[in-house]
Amino acid sequence: MVETELQLVVFRLGEQSFAVPIAQVREVVAAGELTPMPGWPPYLAGVLVLRGAVLPVVELRTLLELAGEAPARRQVVVVERPDAVFGLLVDGVSQVLRLGPEGLEPPPQVAGARGFLAGVARTEAGLVLVLQLDRLLDRGELSALAASVRSTEGS
């Protein structure tokens, strides 16, 4: 039987580490200048122009309701789902983590949670919360976001 290795891109928000599967990460870029979009929810930081494409950027700290100040220099993890490409604004990317099949534990079950955690990985540096991108924003939110960005590109 072949064991499957899970590779995760690990990033920080404050003191907490989060990760997404490397297969869903296109690239990591400096946050640079984000253009805010009027009428967007507070967890959407704005848009970023990357090689001619306009990408919506999610302020992950706000979406996950994390307290604390963001550092002056931040990064955007450009991620891809079958229905959308968007950026996650994070404090900084720290590493690529490789786990065996037993390395990811199920997330804790909490009443009222959005269910955006795929699992929890234990590392020497502490716990890493692994995000499930398809649950972070629902398809309706992404469709509205994509339509909004398309109307901006045509302006």
N, C-alpha and C. Protein backbone atom coordinates (compact mmCIF):
# COMPACT_ATOMS: atom_id res chain seq x y z
N MET A 1 0.85 -1.19 0.00
CA MET A 1 0.00 0.00 0.00
C MET A 1 0.89 1.25 0.00
N VAL A 2 0.56 2.22 -0.82
CA VAL A 2 1.33 3.45 -0.94
C VAL A 2 0.78 4.49 0.04
N GLU A 3 1.67 5.03 0.86
CA GLU A 3 1.25 6.09 1.77
C GLU A 3 1.34 7.42 1.05
N THR A 4 0.35 8.26 1.24
CA THR A 4 0.30 9.54 0.58
C THR A 4 0.83 10.62 1.51
N GLU A 5 1.76 11.42 1.01
CA GLU A 5 2.29 12.53 1.79
C GLU A 5 1.45 13.76 1.50
N LEU A 6 1.08 14.46 2.55
CA LEU A 6 0.33 15.70 2.40
C LEU A 6 1.31 16.86 2.55
N GLN A 7 1.32 17.77 1.56
CA GLN A 7 2.19 18.94 1.62
C GLN A 7 1.33 20.17 1.83
N LEU A 8 1.72 20.97 2.82
CA LEU A 8 0.95 22.15 3.20
C LEU A 8 1.82 23.39 3.19
N VAL A 9 1.25 24.50 2.74
CA VAL A 9 1.92 25.80 2.85
C VAL A 9 1.45 26.40 4.18
N VAL A 10 2.41 26.64 5.07
CA VAL A 10 2.09 27.14 6.41
C VAL A 10 2.34 28.64 6.46
N PHE A 11 1.38 29.36 7.07
CA PHE A 11 1.51 30.80 7.22
C PHE A 11 1.01 31.22 8.59
N ARG A 12 1.39 32.43 8.97
CA ARG A 12 1.03 32.96 10.29
C ARG A 12 -0.02 34.05 10.19
N LEU A 13 -0.84 34.07 11.21
CA LEU A 13 -1.74 35.19 11.51
C LEU A 13 -1.54 35.44 12.99
N GLY A 14 -0.78 36.49 13.32
CA GLY A 14 -0.43 36.69 14.72
C GLY A 14 0.47 35.56 15.17
N GLU A 15 0.15 34.97 16.32
CA GLU A 15 0.95 33.87 16.86
C GLU A 15 0.48 32.51 16.37
N GLN A 16 -0.65 32.45 15.68
CA GLN A 16 -1.22 31.17 15.25
C GLN A 16 -0.76 30.80 13.85
N SER A 17 -0.51 29.51 13.65
CA SER A 17 -0.13 28.99 12.33
C SER A 17 -1.33 28.32 11.67
N PHE A 18 -1.48 28.60 10.39
CA PHE A 18 -2.52 28.01 9.56
C PHE A 18 -1.84 27.42 8.33
N ALA A 19 -2.57 26.60 7.59
CA ALA A 19 -2.01 26.02 6.37
C ALA A 19 -3.11 25.71 5.37
N VAL A 20 -2.70 25.63 4.11
CA VAL A 20 -3.57 25.16 3.03
C VAL A 20 -2.76 24.16 2.21
N PRO A 21 -3.43 23.21 1.55
CA PRO A 21 -2.72 22.25 0.73
C PRO A 21 -1.93 22.94 -0.39
N ILE A 22 -0.70 22.50 -0.58
CA ILE A 22 0.17 23.12 -1.57
C ILE A 22 -0.42 22.98 -2.99
N ALA A 23 -1.20 21.95 -3.22
CA ALA A 23 -1.81 21.74 -4.54
C ALA A 23 -2.78 22.87 -4.90
N GLN A 24 -3.27 23.60 -3.90
CA GLN A 24 -4.21 24.70 -4.17
C GLN A 24 -3.53 26.06 -4.19
N VAL A 25 -2.22 26.09 -3.99
CA VAL A 25 -1.48 27.36 -3.95
C VAL A 25 -0.80 27.60 -5.30
N ARG A 26 -1.12 28.75 -5.91
CA ARG A 26 -0.47 29.12 -7.17
C ARG A 26 0.87 29.77 -6.91
N GLU A 27 0.88 30.71 -5.95
CA GLU A 27 2.11 31.44 -5.64
C GLU A 27 1.91 32.27 -4.38
N VAL A 28 3.02 32.82 -3.89
CA VAL A 28 3.00 33.73 -2.75
C VAL A 28 3.68 35.01 -3.20
N VAL A 29 3.00 36.16 -2.96
CA VAL A 29 3.54 37.45 -3.39
C VAL A 29 3.46 38.45 -2.23
N ALA A 30 4.25 39.51 -2.33
CA ALA A 30 4.16 40.60 -1.36
C ALA A 30 2.79 41.26 -1.53
N ALA A 31 2.21 41.69 -0.43
CA ALA A 31 0.86 42.26 -0.48
C ALA A 31 0.79 43.49 -1.37
N GLY A 32 1.81 44.33 -1.33
CA GLY A 32 1.80 45.51 -2.20
C GLY A 32 0.57 46.38 -1.96
N GLU A 33 0.16 47.05 -3.01
CA GLU A 33 -0.96 47.97 -2.95
C GLU A 33 -2.26 47.25 -3.29
N LEU A 34 -3.16 47.16 -2.32
CA LEU A 34 -4.48 46.59 -2.55
C LEU A 34 -5.46 47.73 -2.78
N THR A 35 -6.34 47.55 -3.74
CA THR A 35 -7.36 48.56 -4.01
C THR A 35 -8.64 48.15 -3.31
N PRO A 36 -9.08 48.96 -2.32
CA PRO A 36 -10.33 48.61 -1.63
C PRO A 36 -11.52 48.73 -2.57
N MET A 37 -12.54 47.92 -2.32
CA MET A 37 -13.74 47.93 -3.15
C MET A 37 -14.92 48.37 -2.30
N PRO A 38 -15.56 49.48 -2.65
CA PRO A 38 -16.71 49.97 -1.90
C PRO A 38 -17.84 48.94 -1.89
N GLY A 39 -18.48 48.78 -0.75
CA GLY A 39 -19.62 47.89 -0.64
C GLY A 39 -19.27 46.43 -0.36
N TRP A 40 -17.98 46.10 -0.37
CA TRP A 40 -17.58 44.73 -0.07
C TRP A 40 -17.64 44.51 1.43
N PRO A 41 -17.85 43.27 1.86
CA PRO A 41 -17.82 42.96 3.30
C PRO A 41 -16.44 43.25 3.88
N PRO A 42 -16.36 43.48 5.19
CA PRO A 42 -15.08 43.85 5.82
C PRO A 42 -13.97 42.81 5.67
N TYR A 43 -14.31 41.53 5.47
CA TYR A 43 -13.28 40.50 5.35
C TYR A 43 -12.66 40.47 3.95
N LEU A 44 -13.10 41.32 3.04
CA LEU A 44 -12.48 41.41 1.72
C LEU A 44 -11.63 42.67 1.69
N ALA A 45 -10.31 42.47 1.61
CA ALA A 45 -9.37 43.58 1.70
C ALA A 45 -9.36 44.46 0.46
N GLY A 46 -9.75 43.90 -0.68
CA GLY A 46 -9.74 44.63 -1.93
C GLY A 46 -9.27 43.73 -3.05
N VAL A 47 -8.72 44.36 -4.09
CA VAL A 47 -8.22 43.59 -5.22
C VAL A 47 -6.75 43.88 -5.44
N LEU A 48 -6.08 42.92 -6.05
CA LEU A 48 -4.67 43.00 -6.36
C LEU A 48 -4.52 42.71 -7.85
N VAL A 49 -3.75 43.52 -8.56
CA VAL A 49 -3.48 43.25 -9.97
C VAL A 49 -2.19 42.44 -10.02
N LEU A 50 -2.31 41.22 -10.56
CA LEU A 50 -1.17 40.31 -10.62
C LEU A 50 -1.02 39.81 -12.05
N ARG A 51 0.03 40.23 -12.72
CA ARG A 51 0.29 39.88 -14.12
C ARG A 51 -0.94 40.12 -15.00
N GLY A 52 -1.57 41.27 -14.80
CA GLY A 52 -2.70 41.67 -15.62
C GLY A 52 -4.05 41.16 -15.15
N ALA A 53 -4.07 40.21 -14.23
CA ALA A 53 -5.35 39.69 -13.71
C ALA A 53 -5.70 40.42 -12.41
N VAL A 54 -6.98 40.69 -12.24
CA VAL A 54 -7.47 41.34 -11.03
C VAL A 54 -7.99 40.25 -10.10
N LEU A 55 -7.36 40.12 -8.92
CA LEU A 55 -7.73 39.07 -7.97
C LEU A 55 -8.34 39.66 -6.71
N PRO A 56 -9.47 39.12 -6.25
CA PRO A 56 -9.99 39.53 -4.95
C PRO A 56 -9.09 38.98 -3.86
N VAL A 57 -8.92 39.75 -2.78
CA VAL A 57 -8.06 39.33 -1.68
C VAL A 57 -8.87 39.31 -0.38
N VAL A 58 -8.85 38.17 0.28
CA VAL A 58 -9.57 37.96 1.52
C VAL A 58 -8.66 38.34 2.69
N GLU A 59 -9.15 39.22 3.56
CA GLU A 59 -8.43 39.57 4.80
C GLU A 59 -8.73 38.45 5.78
N LEU A 60 -7.84 37.46 5.81
CA LEU A 60 -8.08 36.25 6.58
C LEU A 60 -8.21 36.52 8.07
N ARG A 61 -7.46 37.47 8.57
CA ARG A 61 -7.54 37.83 10.00
C ARG A 61 -8.96 38.26 10.37
N THR A 62 -9.60 39.05 9.52
CA THR A 62 -10.96 39.52 9.77
C THR A 62 -11.97 38.39 9.58
N LEU A 63 -11.82 37.61 8.50
CA LEU A 63 -12.75 36.51 8.23
C LEU A 63 -12.78 35.51 9.39
N LEU A 64 -11.60 35.22 9.95
CA LEU A 64 -11.51 34.24 11.04
C LEU A 64 -11.72 34.87 12.41
N GLU A 65 -11.99 36.18 12.41
CA GLU A 65 -12.27 36.92 13.65
C GLU A 65 -11.13 36.81 14.66
N LEU A 66 -9.89 37.05 14.18
CA LEU A 66 -8.71 37.01 15.03
C LEU A 66 -8.35 38.42 15.47
N ALA A 67 -8.06 38.56 16.73
CA ALA A 67 -7.67 39.87 17.27
C ALA A 67 -6.19 40.11 16.99
N GLY A 68 -5.76 41.33 17.22
CA GLY A 68 -4.35 41.66 17.09
C GLY A 68 -4.07 42.53 15.88
N GLU A 69 -2.91 43.13 15.94
CA GLU A 69 -2.46 44.03 14.88
C GLU A 69 -1.73 43.25 13.80
N ALA A 70 -2.00 43.60 12.56
CA ALA A 70 -1.28 43.01 11.44
C ALA A 70 0.05 43.73 11.28
N PRO A 71 1.11 43.02 10.88
CA PRO A 71 2.40 43.68 10.64
C PRO A 71 2.32 44.58 9.41
N ALA A 72 3.26 45.49 9.29
CA ALA A 72 3.28 46.43 8.17
C ALA A 72 3.50 45.71 6.84
N ARG A 73 4.37 44.71 6.83
CA ARG A 73 4.64 43.95 5.60
C ARG A 73 3.91 42.62 5.69
N ARG A 74 3.08 42.38 4.70
CA ARG A 74 2.30 41.14 4.69
C ARG A 74 2.45 40.46 3.33
N GLN A 75 1.91 39.27 3.24
CA GLN A 75 1.99 38.51 1.99
C GLN A 75 0.59 38.06 1.57
N VAL A 76 0.47 37.78 0.28
CA VAL A 76 -0.77 37.24 -0.26
C VAL A 76 -0.46 35.84 -0.79
N VAL A 77 -1.20 34.86 -0.27
CA VAL A 77 -1.12 33.50 -0.78
C VAL A 77 -2.21 33.39 -1.83
N VAL A 78 -1.81 33.24 -3.10
CA VAL A 78 -2.77 33.12 -4.19
C VAL A 78 -3.19 31.66 -4.27
N VAL A 79 -4.50 31.43 -4.04
CA VAL A 79 -5.02 30.07 -4.00
C VAL A 79 -6.05 29.86 -5.10
N GLU A 80 -6.26 28.59 -5.42
CA GLU A 80 -7.16 28.24 -6.50
C GLU A 80 -8.13 27.17 -6.05
N ARG A 81 -9.39 27.42 -6.33
CA ARG A 81 -10.44 26.43 -6.17
C ARG A 81 -11.00 26.17 -7.56
N PRO A 82 -11.77 25.11 -7.76
CA PRO A 82 -12.32 24.87 -9.09
C PRO A 82 -13.17 26.04 -9.59
N ASP A 83 -13.77 26.80 -8.66
CA ASP A 83 -14.68 27.87 -9.06
C ASP A 83 -14.08 29.27 -8.94
N ALA A 84 -12.85 29.41 -8.45
CA ALA A 84 -12.30 30.76 -8.27
C ALA A 84 -10.81 30.74 -7.95
N VAL A 85 -10.17 31.86 -8.27
CA VAL A 85 -8.80 32.14 -7.85
C VAL A 85 -8.87 33.42 -7.04
N PHE A 86 -8.26 33.40 -5.85
CA PHE A 86 -8.28 34.58 -5.00
C PHE A 86 -7.06 34.57 -4.09
N GLY A 87 -6.85 35.68 -3.40
CA GLY A 87 -5.71 35.79 -2.51
C GLY A 87 -6.14 35.73 -1.05
N LEU A 88 -5.25 35.22 -0.22
CA LEU A 88 -5.43 35.24 1.23
C LEU A 88 -4.36 36.15 1.81
N LEU A 89 -4.77 37.22 2.47
CA LEU A 89 -3.83 38.16 3.07
C LEU A 89 -3.40 37.60 4.41
N VAL A 90 -2.09 37.32 4.55
CA VAL A 90 -1.55 36.69 5.76
C VAL A 90 -0.36 37.51 6.28
N ASP A 91 0.02 37.25 7.52
CA ASP A 91 1.15 37.98 8.12
C ASP A 91 2.47 37.54 7.50
N GLY A 92 2.59 36.28 7.15
CA GLY A 92 3.82 35.79 6.53
C GLY A 92 3.76 34.29 6.33
N VAL A 93 4.40 33.82 5.26
CA VAL A 93 4.49 32.39 4.98
C VAL A 93 5.76 31.88 5.64
N SER A 94 5.65 30.75 6.34
CA SER A 94 6.80 30.27 7.10
C SER A 94 7.47 29.02 6.54
N GLN A 95 6.70 28.10 5.93
CA GLN A 95 7.32 26.85 5.48
C GLN A 95 6.36 26.02 4.65
N VAL A 96 6.93 24.98 4.05
CA VAL A 96 6.13 23.91 3.46
C VAL A 96 6.28 22.73 4.42
N LEU A 97 5.16 22.23 4.89
CA LEU A 97 5.12 21.15 5.87
C LEU A 97 4.71 19.87 5.16
N ARG A 98 5.46 18.81 5.39
CA ARG A 98 5.14 17.51 4.81
C ARG A 98 4.66 16.60 5.92
N LEU A 99 3.47 16.00 5.72
CA LEU A 99 2.88 15.11 6.71
C LEU A 99 2.55 13.77 6.08
N GLY A 100 2.70 12.72 6.88
CA GLY A 100 2.21 11.41 6.45
C GLY A 100 0.70 11.36 6.65
N PRO A 101 0.06 10.29 6.23
CA PRO A 101 -1.40 10.19 6.33
C PRO A 101 -1.91 10.30 7.77
N GLU A 102 -1.10 9.90 8.72
CA GLU A 102 -1.52 9.97 10.13
C GLU A 102 -1.23 11.32 10.75
N GLY A 103 -0.60 12.22 10.02
CA GLY A 103 -0.17 13.51 10.57
C GLY A 103 -1.25 14.56 10.72
N LEU A 104 -2.42 14.32 10.14
CA LEU A 104 -3.51 15.29 10.22
C LEU A 104 -4.63 14.71 11.07
N GLU A 105 -4.89 15.37 12.18
CA GLU A 105 -5.96 14.94 13.08
C GLU A 105 -7.25 15.66 12.72
N PRO A 106 -8.41 15.04 12.99
CA PRO A 106 -9.68 15.72 12.69
C PRO A 106 -9.80 17.00 13.51
N PRO A 107 -10.50 18.00 12.96
CA PRO A 107 -10.67 19.25 13.71
C PRO A 107 -11.61 19.04 14.89
N PRO A 108 -11.46 19.85 15.93
CA PRO A 108 -12.40 19.76 17.05
C PRO A 108 -13.80 20.16 16.59
N GLN A 109 -14.80 19.47 17.10
CA GLN A 109 -16.20 19.79 16.75
C GLN A 109 -16.73 20.83 17.73
N VAL A 110 -17.03 22.01 17.21
CA VAL A 110 -17.52 23.10 18.04
C VAL A 110 -18.87 23.55 17.49
N ALA A 111 -19.85 23.67 18.36
CA ALA A 111 -21.18 24.11 17.93
C ALA A 111 -21.10 25.50 17.31
N GLY A 112 -21.73 25.68 16.18
CA GLY A 112 -21.78 26.99 15.52
C GLY A 112 -20.57 27.30 14.66
N ALA A 113 -19.56 26.43 14.63
CA ALA A 113 -18.37 26.69 13.82
C ALA A 113 -18.72 26.58 12.34
N ARG A 114 -18.03 27.35 11.49
CA ARG A 114 -18.31 27.34 10.05
C ARG A 114 -17.82 26.07 9.37
N GLY A 115 -17.03 25.29 10.06
CA GLY A 115 -16.53 24.06 9.47
C GLY A 115 -15.46 24.27 8.43
N PHE A 116 -14.65 25.32 8.57
CA PHE A 116 -13.63 25.61 7.58
C PHE A 116 -12.31 24.92 7.86
N LEU A 117 -12.23 24.14 8.94
CA LEU A 117 -11.00 23.43 9.25
C LEU A 117 -11.04 22.02 8.67
N ALA A 118 -9.97 21.66 7.96
CA ALA A 118 -9.84 20.30 7.44
C ALA A 118 -9.21 19.40 8.49
N GLY A 119 -8.43 19.99 9.39
CA GLY A 119 -7.77 19.22 10.42
C GLY A 119 -6.75 20.04 11.17
N VAL A 120 -6.05 19.35 12.08
CA VAL A 120 -5.03 19.98 12.90
C VAL A 120 -3.77 19.13 12.80
N ALA A 121 -2.64 19.78 12.54
CA ALA A 121 -1.36 19.09 12.47
C ALA A 121 -0.52 19.50 13.68
N ARG A 122 0.10 18.53 14.31
CA ARG A 122 1.02 18.80 15.43
C ARG A 122 2.44 18.87 14.88
N THR A 123 3.13 19.96 15.22
CA THR A 123 4.53 20.10 14.81
C THR A 123 5.36 20.42 16.05
N GLU A 124 6.67 20.43 15.90
CA GLU A 124 7.54 20.79 17.02
C GLU A 124 7.27 22.22 17.48
N ALA A 125 6.86 23.08 16.56
CA ALA A 125 6.61 24.49 16.88
C ALA A 125 5.21 24.73 17.44
N GLY A 126 4.34 23.71 17.42
CA GLY A 126 2.98 23.87 17.93
C GLY A 126 1.96 23.35 16.93
N LEU A 127 0.71 23.72 17.15
CA LEU A 127 -0.38 23.25 16.29
C LEU A 127 -0.51 24.12 15.04
N VAL A 128 -0.84 23.48 13.94
CA VAL A 128 -1.11 24.16 12.68
C VAL A 128 -2.55 23.81 12.29
N LEU A 129 -3.37 24.84 12.11
CA LEU A 129 -4.76 24.64 11.73
C LEU A 129 -4.84 24.62 10.20
N VAL A 130 -5.31 23.52 9.65
CA VAL A 130 -5.36 23.35 8.20
C VAL A 130 -6.74 23.78 7.70
N LEU A 131 -6.74 24.77 6.81
CA LEU A 131 -8.00 25.33 6.29
C LEU A 131 -8.52 24.52 5.11
N GLN A 132 -9.82 24.45 5.01
CA GLN A 132 -10.51 23.82 3.90
C GLN A 132 -11.05 24.95 3.03
N LEU A 133 -10.37 25.24 1.93
CA LEU A 133 -10.69 26.42 1.11
C LEU A 133 -12.12 26.43 0.60
N ASP A 134 -12.68 25.26 0.28
CA ASP A 134 -14.04 25.27 -0.25
C ASP A 134 -15.08 25.60 0.81
N ARG A 135 -14.68 25.65 2.07
CA ARG A 135 -15.60 26.03 3.13
C ARG A 135 -15.32 27.43 3.67
N LEU A 136 -14.20 28.01 3.29
CA LEU A 136 -13.82 29.32 3.78
C LEU A 136 -14.80 30.39 3.29
N LEU A 137 -15.08 30.36 2.02
CA LEU A 137 -16.10 31.22 1.40
C LEU A 137 -17.03 30.30 0.63
N ASP A 138 -18.32 30.52 0.77
CA ASP A 138 -19.24 29.64 0.02
C ASP A 138 -19.32 30.08 -1.44
N ARG A 139 -19.90 29.22 -2.25
CA ARG A 139 -19.96 29.47 -3.70
C ARG A 139 -20.72 30.75 -4.03
N GLY A 140 -21.76 31.07 -3.27
CA GLY A 140 -22.52 32.30 -3.50
C GLY A 140 -21.66 33.52 -3.30
N GLU A 141 -20.86 33.51 -2.22
CA GLU A 141 -19.96 34.63 -1.95
C GLU A 141 -18.95 34.78 -3.08
N LEU A 142 -18.39 33.65 -3.53
CA LEU A 142 -17.39 33.70 -4.59
C LEU A 142 -17.99 34.13 -5.93
N SER A 143 -19.21 33.71 -6.22
CA SER A 143 -19.86 34.13 -7.47
C SER A 143 -20.06 35.64 -7.48
N ALA A 144 -20.53 36.19 -6.35
CA ALA A 144 -20.74 37.63 -6.25
C ALA A 144 -19.41 38.37 -6.36
N LEU A 145 -18.39 37.82 -5.74
CA LEU A 145 -17.05 38.41 -5.78
C LEU A 145 -16.53 38.42 -7.22
N ALA A 146 -16.65 37.28 -7.91
CA ALA A 146 -16.17 37.18 -9.29
C ALA A 146 -16.90 38.17 -10.19
N ALA A 147 -18.21 38.29 -10.02
CA ALA A 147 -18.98 39.24 -10.83
C ALA A 147 -18.53 40.67 -10.57
N SER A 148 -18.27 40.98 -9.30
CA SER A 148 -17.82 42.31 -8.93
C SER A 148 -16.47 42.62 -9.55
N VAL A 149 -15.56 41.66 -9.51
CA VAL A 149 -14.22 41.86 -10.08
C VAL A 149 -14.32 42.00 -11.59
N ARG A 150 -15.16 41.18 -12.26
CA ARG A 150 -15.32 41.29 -13.72
C ARG A 150 -15.84 42.67 -14.11
N SER A 151 -16.78 43.21 -13.32
CA SER A 151 -17.31 44.54 -13.66
C SER A 151 -16.24 45.61 -13.46
N THR A 152 -15.31 45.38 -12.51
CA THR A 152 -14.21 46.31 -12.28
C THR A 152 -13.23 46.28 -13.45
N GLU A 153 -12.94 45.07 -13.96
CA GLU A 153 -11.99 44.92 -15.06
C GLU A 153 -12.50 45.61 -16.33
N GLY A 154 -13.82 45.63 -16.51
CA GLY A 154 -14.38 46.24 -17.71
C GLY A 154 -14.43 47.75 -17.63
N SER A 155 -14.19 48.32 -16.45
CA SER A 155 -14.27 49.78 -16.27
C SER A 155 -13.08 50.49 -16.84
